[in-house]
Amino acid sequence: MNKIKRIIRRYFGFSQREVNGFLLLILLMVLLTAAPFLFSILYQPDASKHTAASDQRMLDSLVAQLEARQPEKGYRSKYNFPAVALHPFNPNELTVEQWQALGLPKYMAQRILNYRNKVGDFTYKAELGKIYGLPDSTFRKLYPYIQLPEDRPSKYKTGQAYVSNTTRPAWNNNRYPREKFILAPFDINTADTTKLKQIRGIGSKLSARIIKYRDKLGGFHSMAQLKEVYGLQPDVVDSLVKYSYVRAAQASINGLSLNKATVEQLNAHPYISPNVARAIVAYRQQHGEYKALEEVRNVKIVSQELYDKLKPYLVL
């Protein structure tokens, strides 16, 4: 042991007290590592206490507890519709209390009023079924008593195509009439956030990001540029390509003037780095105004690839 202590002192430069502490620490680590193994050897549970019969009794007890928690037949969902006397009503005239008299909970009645205040009056029966959280079973019971047209008024069909059920409601497969929505193609360079959010997968953030990138570019000249928008997934890009387009005339493209744009204006474009912007302006100051767009290729750091990307946005 003394030889081991001398080796440790010589190797680590420890004092005698430090060597003793070091060896004690190693001993504790060994004991802690071996503790589970020693415990399993010293503690051996009595196997006689765990018989097949006792295990079976335990399982039977658990099964009984689970069966006691299972819902009985005739279980009602959280959207319980009380049995109330229904009567014809206009959903645009009811108050919260009157909706509650029809069997709706207060929070759902308030949600209907909020929807009406924000979107406007209901114009046809199926529109009430769009209220978030309103169960189909509840809507089916209310449907025959709603004093509104069954079809969407024709003035709502402009710009979009709808297919609606023109016959009286037939509750087949527990479904009420739903409209098939077909989105009309739109110009990606004039679309606002409301139009973009009609594409599945595009919310408020993505729609704002698309418009912000479009404004920085000066407008999209190709649908392939949508892949450059950060966070836009491939399936969303495919949907945009399907439902939107870029006009061939490129009338909506805002050009960058090679002879008038400042370094800051050039640098604001997503394709132009600060070095390229300074180089374009420096070349103009040294050689005079650009006579043709192709002259920007004379700037050494403007590659052919960069020029091809910038060309739709450059003007003299």
Protein backbone atom coordinates (compact mmCIF):
# COMPACT_ATOMS: atom_id res chain seq x y z
CA MET A 1 0.00 0.00 0.00
CA ASN A 2 2.85 2.39 0.83
CA LYS A 3 4.38 1.65 -2.58
CA ILE A 4 1.06 2.55 -4.26
CA LYS A 5 0.91 5.78 -2.26
CA ARG A 6 4.44 6.71 -3.32
CA ILE A 7 3.57 6.10 -6.97
CA ILE A 8 0.43 8.28 -6.71
CA ARG A 9 2.34 11.08 -4.94
CA ARG A 10 5.10 11.01 -7.53
CA TYR A 11 2.71 10.87 -10.51
CA PHE A 12 0.14 13.46 -9.39
CA GLY A 13 2.27 15.57 -7.06
CA PHE A 14 -0.14 14.97 -4.15
CA SER A 15 0.60 15.51 -0.49
CA GLN A 16 0.14 12.64 1.99
CA ARG A 17 -3.35 13.86 2.98
CA GLU A 18 -4.37 14.25 -0.66
CA VAL A 19 -3.22 10.70 -1.40
CA ASN A 20 -5.31 9.33 1.49
CA GLY A 21 -8.36 11.26 0.31
CA PHE A 22 -7.83 10.07 -3.25
CA LEU A 23 -7.73 6.40 -2.20
CA LEU A 24 -10.80 6.85 -0.01
CA LEU A 25 -12.71 8.37 -2.94
CA ILE A 26 -11.79 5.43 -5.17
CA LEU A 27 -12.94 2.98 -2.48
CA LEU A 28 -16.32 4.74 -2.20
CA MET A 29 -16.77 4.66 -5.98
CA VAL A 30 -16.08 0.93 -6.07
CA LEU A 31 -18.58 0.31 -3.26
CA LEU A 32 -21.29 2.38 -4.95
CA THR A 33 -20.74 0.57 -8.24
CA ALA A 34 -20.97 -2.86 -6.60
CA ALA A 35 -23.89 -1.94 -4.31
CA PRO A 36 -26.72 -3.09 -6.64
CA PHE A 37 -25.03 -6.44 -7.22
CA LEU A 38 -24.41 -6.99 -3.49
CA PHE A 39 -27.98 -5.96 -2.67
CA SER A 40 -29.43 -8.49 -5.12
CA ILE A 41 -27.34 -11.23 -3.54
CA LEU A 42 -28.13 -10.34 0.07
CA TYR A 43 -31.83 -9.69 -0.47
CA GLN A 44 -33.64 -12.67 -1.94
CA PRO A 45 -37.42 -12.35 -1.73
CA ASP A 46 -39.41 -15.30 -0.56
CA ALA A 47 -40.62 -17.03 -3.69
CA SER A 48 -43.44 -18.68 -1.76
CA LYS A 49 -45.20 -15.33 -1.45
CA HIS A 50 -45.50 -15.00 -5.24
CA THR A 51 -47.54 -17.97 -6.30
CA ALA A 52 -49.61 -18.34 -9.42
CA ALA A 53 -52.77 -18.02 -7.35
CA SER A 54 -51.74 -14.68 -5.88
CA ASP A 55 -50.77 -13.37 -9.30
CA GLN A 56 -54.15 -14.44 -10.70
CA ARG A 57 -55.97 -12.66 -7.86
CA MET A 58 -54.02 -9.49 -8.57
CA LEU A 59 -54.89 -9.64 -12.29
CA ASP A 60 -58.56 -10.25 -11.52
CA SER A 61 -58.55 -7.22 -9.24
CA LEU A 62 -57.04 -5.00 -11.95
CA VAL A 63 -59.54 -6.23 -14.54
CA ALA A 64 -62.42 -5.48 -12.18
CA GLN A 65 -61.13 -1.94 -11.63
CA LEU A 66 -60.82 -1.34 -15.37
CA GLU A 67 -64.31 -2.67 -16.06
CA ALA A 68 -65.70 -0.39 -13.37
CA ARG A 69 -64.24 2.61 -15.21
CA GLN A 70 -65.63 1.64 -18.64
CA PRO A 71 -68.63 3.71 -19.75
CA GLU A 72 -71.96 1.97 -19.67
CA LYS A 73 -74.12 1.47 -22.72
CA GLY A 74 -75.91 4.63 -23.64
CA TYR A 75 -72.89 6.75 -22.64
CA ARG A 76 -73.30 10.39 -23.63
CA SER A 77 -70.50 12.54 -24.97
CA LYS A 78 -69.46 15.84 -23.49
CA TYR A 79 -71.69 17.47 -26.10
CA ASN A 80 -74.88 16.31 -24.43
CA PHE A 81 -77.94 17.76 -26.14
CA PRO A 82 -80.76 18.09 -23.62
CA ALA A 83 -84.25 17.05 -24.68
CA VAL A 84 -85.95 20.41 -25.21
CA ALA A 85 -88.95 21.50 -27.22
CA LEU A 86 -87.63 22.91 -30.50
CA HIS A 87 -89.40 25.53 -32.60
CA PRO A 88 -88.61 27.47 -35.80
CA PHE A 89 -86.02 30.18 -35.23
CA ASN A 90 -83.83 32.68 -37.06
CA PRO A 91 -80.17 32.27 -35.91
CA ASN A 92 -79.53 35.95 -36.66
CA GLU A 93 -82.01 37.10 -34.01
CA LEU A 94 -81.34 34.84 -31.02
CA THR A 95 -79.61 35.99 -27.86
CA VAL A 96 -77.34 33.89 -25.65
CA GLU A 97 -80.28 33.01 -23.41
CA GLN A 98 -82.43 31.98 -26.37
CA TRP A 99 -79.67 29.72 -27.70
CA GLN A 100 -79.44 28.16 -24.27
CA ALA A 101 -83.19 27.57 -24.35
CA LEU A 102 -82.57 25.48 -27.48
CA GLY A 103 -80.24 23.26 -25.48
CA LEU A 104 -76.83 24.77 -26.30
CA PRO A 105 -74.32 25.44 -23.50
CA LYS A 106 -73.57 29.06 -22.72
CA TYR A 107 -70.04 29.01 -24.17
CA MET A 108 -71.35 27.66 -27.50
CA ALA A 109 -74.13 30.25 -27.60
CA GLN A 110 -71.58 33.00 -27.01
CA ARG A 111 -69.34 31.56 -29.72
CA ILE A 112 -72.20 31.74 -32.23
CA LEU A 113 -72.83 35.39 -31.37
CA ASN A 114 -69.11 36.18 -31.68
CA TYR A 115 -69.05 34.55 -35.11
CA ARG A 116 -72.10 36.52 -36.19
CA ASN A 117 -70.62 39.80 -34.96
CA LYS A 118 -67.32 39.17 -36.71
CA VAL A 119 -68.40 37.56 -40.00
CA GLY A 120 -71.95 38.85 -40.36
CA ASP A 121 -75.42 37.33 -40.35
CA PHE A 122 -75.97 33.74 -41.40
CA THR A 123 -77.30 33.56 -44.95
CA TYR A 124 -78.17 29.87 -45.31
CA LYS A 125 -78.67 26.85 -43.07
CA ALA A 126 -75.39 24.98 -43.58
CA GLU A 127 -73.42 28.07 -42.54
CA LEU A 128 -74.42 27.46 -38.92
CA GLY A 129 -72.69 24.07 -39.11
CA LYS A 130 -69.35 25.82 -39.65
CA ILE A 131 -69.27 27.05 -36.06
CA TYR A 132 -66.22 25.52 -34.38
CA GLY A 133 -67.13 22.94 -31.76
CA LEU A 134 -70.81 22.60 -32.73
CA PRO A 135 -71.47 18.81 -32.82
CA ASP A 136 -73.00 17.31 -35.94
CA SER A 137 -75.69 15.65 -33.87
CA THR A 138 -76.74 19.00 -32.41
CA PHE A 139 -76.76 20.70 -35.80
CA ARG A 140 -78.84 17.88 -37.32
CA LYS A 141 -81.51 18.38 -34.68
CA LEU A 142 -81.57 22.15 -35.20
CA TYR A 143 -81.46 22.03 -39.01
CA PRO A 144 -85.19 21.52 -39.76
CA TYR A 145 -86.10 24.48 -37.55
CA ILE A 146 -83.66 27.03 -38.99
CA GLN A 147 -85.55 29.74 -40.86
CA LEU A 148 -82.96 30.34 -43.57
CA PRO A 149 -82.52 29.19 -47.19
CA GLU A 150 -81.00 25.77 -47.67
CA ASP A 151 -78.71 26.95 -50.49
CA ARG A 152 -76.00 29.58 -50.51
CA PRO A 153 -77.27 32.79 -52.15
CA SER A 154 -75.94 33.23 -55.69
CA LYS A 155 -74.14 36.49 -54.87
CA TYR A 156 -71.59 34.48 -52.87
CA LYS A 157 -70.53 32.39 -55.87
CA THR A 158 -68.45 35.02 -57.64
CA GLY A 159 -64.76 34.15 -58.08
CA GLN A 160 -65.22 30.72 -56.54
CA ALA A 161 -67.17 27.64 -57.48
CA TYR A 162 -69.43 25.83 -55.07
CA VAL A 163 -71.41 22.67 -55.35
CA SER A 164 -74.29 22.46 -52.91
CA ASN A 165 -77.13 20.07 -52.28
CA THR A 166 -80.29 21.65 -53.71
CA THR A 167 -82.63 19.00 -52.33
CA ARG A 168 -84.06 18.85 -48.85
CA PRO A 169 -81.66 17.47 -46.24
CA ALA A 170 -81.40 13.71 -46.12
CA TRP A 171 -79.37 12.61 -43.13
CA ASN A 172 -77.56 9.72 -44.74
CA ASN A 173 -74.72 8.29 -42.71
CA ASN A 174 -75.35 10.90 -40.01
CA ARG A 175 -74.17 13.77 -42.23
CA TYR A 176 -75.77 17.08 -43.03
CA PRO A 177 -75.31 18.92 -46.36
CA ARG A 178 -71.79 20.21 -46.79
CA GLU A 179 -70.50 22.33 -49.64
CA LYS A 180 -67.61 21.37 -51.82
CA PHE A 181 -65.18 24.27 -51.99
CA ILE A 182 -63.17 24.77 -55.17
CA LEU A 183 -60.53 27.50 -55.04
CA ALA A 184 -60.28 29.67 -58.14
CA PRO A 185 -56.69 30.22 -59.45
CA PHE A 186 -55.18 33.56 -58.45
CA ASP A 187 -52.19 35.75 -59.34
CA ILE A 188 -49.42 35.13 -56.81
CA ASN A 189 -48.10 38.68 -57.29
CA THR A 190 -51.39 40.37 -56.35
CA ALA A 191 -52.68 37.93 -53.73
CA ASP A 192 -53.08 39.17 -50.17
CA THR A 193 -52.73 37.16 -46.97
CA THR A 194 -56.42 36.23 -46.98
CA LYS A 195 -56.11 34.64 -50.41
CA LEU A 196 -52.88 32.82 -49.53
CA LYS A 197 -54.34 31.39 -46.32
CA GLN A 198 -56.93 29.51 -48.38
CA ILE A 199 -54.11 27.13 -49.33
CA ARG A 200 -53.88 24.23 -46.89
CA GLY A 201 -50.72 24.53 -44.79
CA ILE A 202 -50.43 28.34 -45.03
CA GLY A 203 -51.31 30.36 -41.95
CA SER A 204 -50.83 33.96 -40.93
CA LYS A 205 -47.04 33.71 -40.50
CA LEU A 206 -46.32 31.93 -43.77
CA SER A 207 -48.64 34.15 -45.80
CA ALA A 208 -46.97 37.27 -44.38
CA ARG A 209 -43.53 35.76 -45.07
CA ILE A 210 -44.45 35.03 -48.71
CA ILE A 211 -45.65 38.59 -49.27
CA LYS A 212 -42.59 40.06 -47.53
CA TYR A 213 -40.23 38.03 -49.72
CA ARG A 214 -42.28 38.93 -52.81
CA ASP A 215 -41.99 42.63 -51.99
CA LYS A 216 -38.23 42.36 -51.49
CA LEU A 217 -37.84 40.64 -54.85
CA GLY A 218 -40.10 43.09 -56.62
CA GLY A 219 -42.52 40.31 -57.53
CA PHE A 220 -42.23 36.67 -58.58
CA HIS A 221 -41.29 36.09 -62.22
CA SER A 222 -41.36 32.30 -61.86
CA MET A 223 -43.32 29.92 -59.65
CA ALA A 224 -40.05 28.12 -58.92
CA GLN A 225 -39.03 31.11 -56.76
CA LEU A 226 -41.55 30.01 -54.13
CA LYS A 227 -39.02 27.37 -53.08
CA GLU A 228 -36.80 30.22 -51.88
CA VAL A 229 -39.31 31.32 -49.22
CA TYR A 230 -38.01 30.17 -45.85
CA GLY A 231 -40.17 27.57 -44.11
CA LEU A 232 -42.34 26.75 -47.12
CA GLN A 233 -42.68 22.96 -47.31
CA PRO A 234 -42.58 21.18 -50.71
CA ASP A 235 -46.22 20.07 -50.50
CA VAL A 236 -47.30 23.67 -49.81
CA VAL A 237 -45.24 24.86 -52.79
CA ASP A 238 -46.98 22.24 -54.93
CA SER A 239 -50.37 23.54 -53.80
CA LEU A 240 -49.37 27.12 -54.61
CA VAL A 241 -48.19 26.06 -58.06
CA LYS A 242 -51.52 24.32 -58.56
CA TYR A 243 -53.75 27.20 -57.47
CA SER A 244 -51.74 30.29 -58.41
CA TYR A 245 -49.87 31.64 -61.42
CA VAL A 246 -47.50 34.39 -62.61
CA ARG A 247 -48.70 36.62 -65.43
CA ALA A 248 -46.56 36.23 -68.54
CA ALA A 249 -46.44 39.99 -69.14
CA GLN A 250 -44.50 40.51 -65.86
CA ALA A 251 -46.37 43.79 -65.40
CA SER A 252 -46.22 43.34 -61.64
CA ILE A 253 -42.40 43.14 -61.48
CA ASN A 254 -40.73 46.15 -59.88
CA GLY A 255 -37.39 46.71 -61.60
CA LEU A 256 -34.09 47.88 -60.12
CA SER A 257 -32.47 50.73 -62.03
CA LEU A 258 -28.79 50.03 -62.68
CA ASN A 259 -28.17 53.74 -63.30
CA LYS A 260 -30.16 55.18 -60.40
CA ALA A 261 -30.31 52.65 -57.57
CA THR A 262 -28.15 53.31 -54.54
CA VAL A 263 -26.04 50.72 -52.72
CA GLU A 264 -28.73 50.40 -50.05
CA GLN A 265 -31.50 49.88 -52.61
CA LEU A 266 -29.51 47.23 -54.46
CA ASN A 267 -28.51 45.49 -51.24
CA ALA A 268 -32.19 45.28 -50.19
CA HIS A 269 -32.80 42.78 -53.00
CA PRO A 270 -32.51 39.15 -51.80
CA TYR A 271 -30.20 38.21 -54.68
CA ILE A 272 -27.70 41.07 -54.20
CA SER A 273 -25.12 40.93 -51.43
CA PRO A 274 -23.49 44.09 -49.99
CA ASN A 275 -20.26 43.43 -51.95
CA VAL A 276 -22.13 43.03 -55.24
CA ALA A 277 -24.18 46.18 -54.58
CA ARG A 278 -21.04 48.25 -53.93
CA ALA A 279 -19.32 46.79 -56.99
CA ILE A 280 -22.24 47.62 -59.30
CA VAL A 281 -22.35 51.24 -58.09
CA ALA A 282 -18.52 51.57 -58.21
CA TYR A 283 -18.44 50.34 -61.84
CA ARG A 284 -21.12 52.89 -62.75
CA GLN A 285 -19.15 55.70 -61.11
CA GLN A 286 -15.92 54.71 -62.88
CA HIS A 287 -17.28 53.95 -66.37
CA GLY A 288 -20.45 56.01 -66.55
CA GLU A 289 -24.00 54.85 -66.87
CA TYR A 290 -24.81 51.36 -68.08
CA LYS A 291 -25.86 51.33 -71.76
CA ALA A 292 -27.26 47.80 -71.70
CA LEU A 293 -28.23 45.34 -69.02
CA GLU A 294 -25.52 42.93 -70.18
CA GLU A 295 -22.85 45.42 -69.14
CA VAL A 296 -23.37 44.47 -65.51
CA ARG A 297 -21.54 41.25 -66.41
CA ASN A 298 -18.42 43.39 -66.67
CA VAL A 299 -18.48 43.64 -62.88
CA LYS A 300 -16.07 40.88 -61.90
CA ILE A 301 -18.04 39.47 -58.99
CA VAL A 302 -21.29 39.25 -60.97
CA SER A 303 -21.32 35.67 -62.22
CA GLN A 304 -23.42 34.40 -65.11
CA GLU A 305 -25.64 32.52 -62.66
CA LEU A 306 -26.26 35.66 -60.61
CA TYR A 307 -26.92 37.69 -63.75
CA ASP A 308 -29.53 35.17 -64.95
CA LYS A 309 -31.34 35.44 -61.60
CA LEU A 310 -31.18 39.25 -61.56
CA LYS A 311 -32.01 39.94 -65.21
CA PRO A 312 -35.83 39.96 -64.79
CA TYR A 313 -35.45 42.66 -62.12
CA LEU A 314 -32.94 44.96 -63.83
CA VAL A 315 -33.78 48.08 -65.81
CA LEU A 316 -31.61 50.95 -67.02
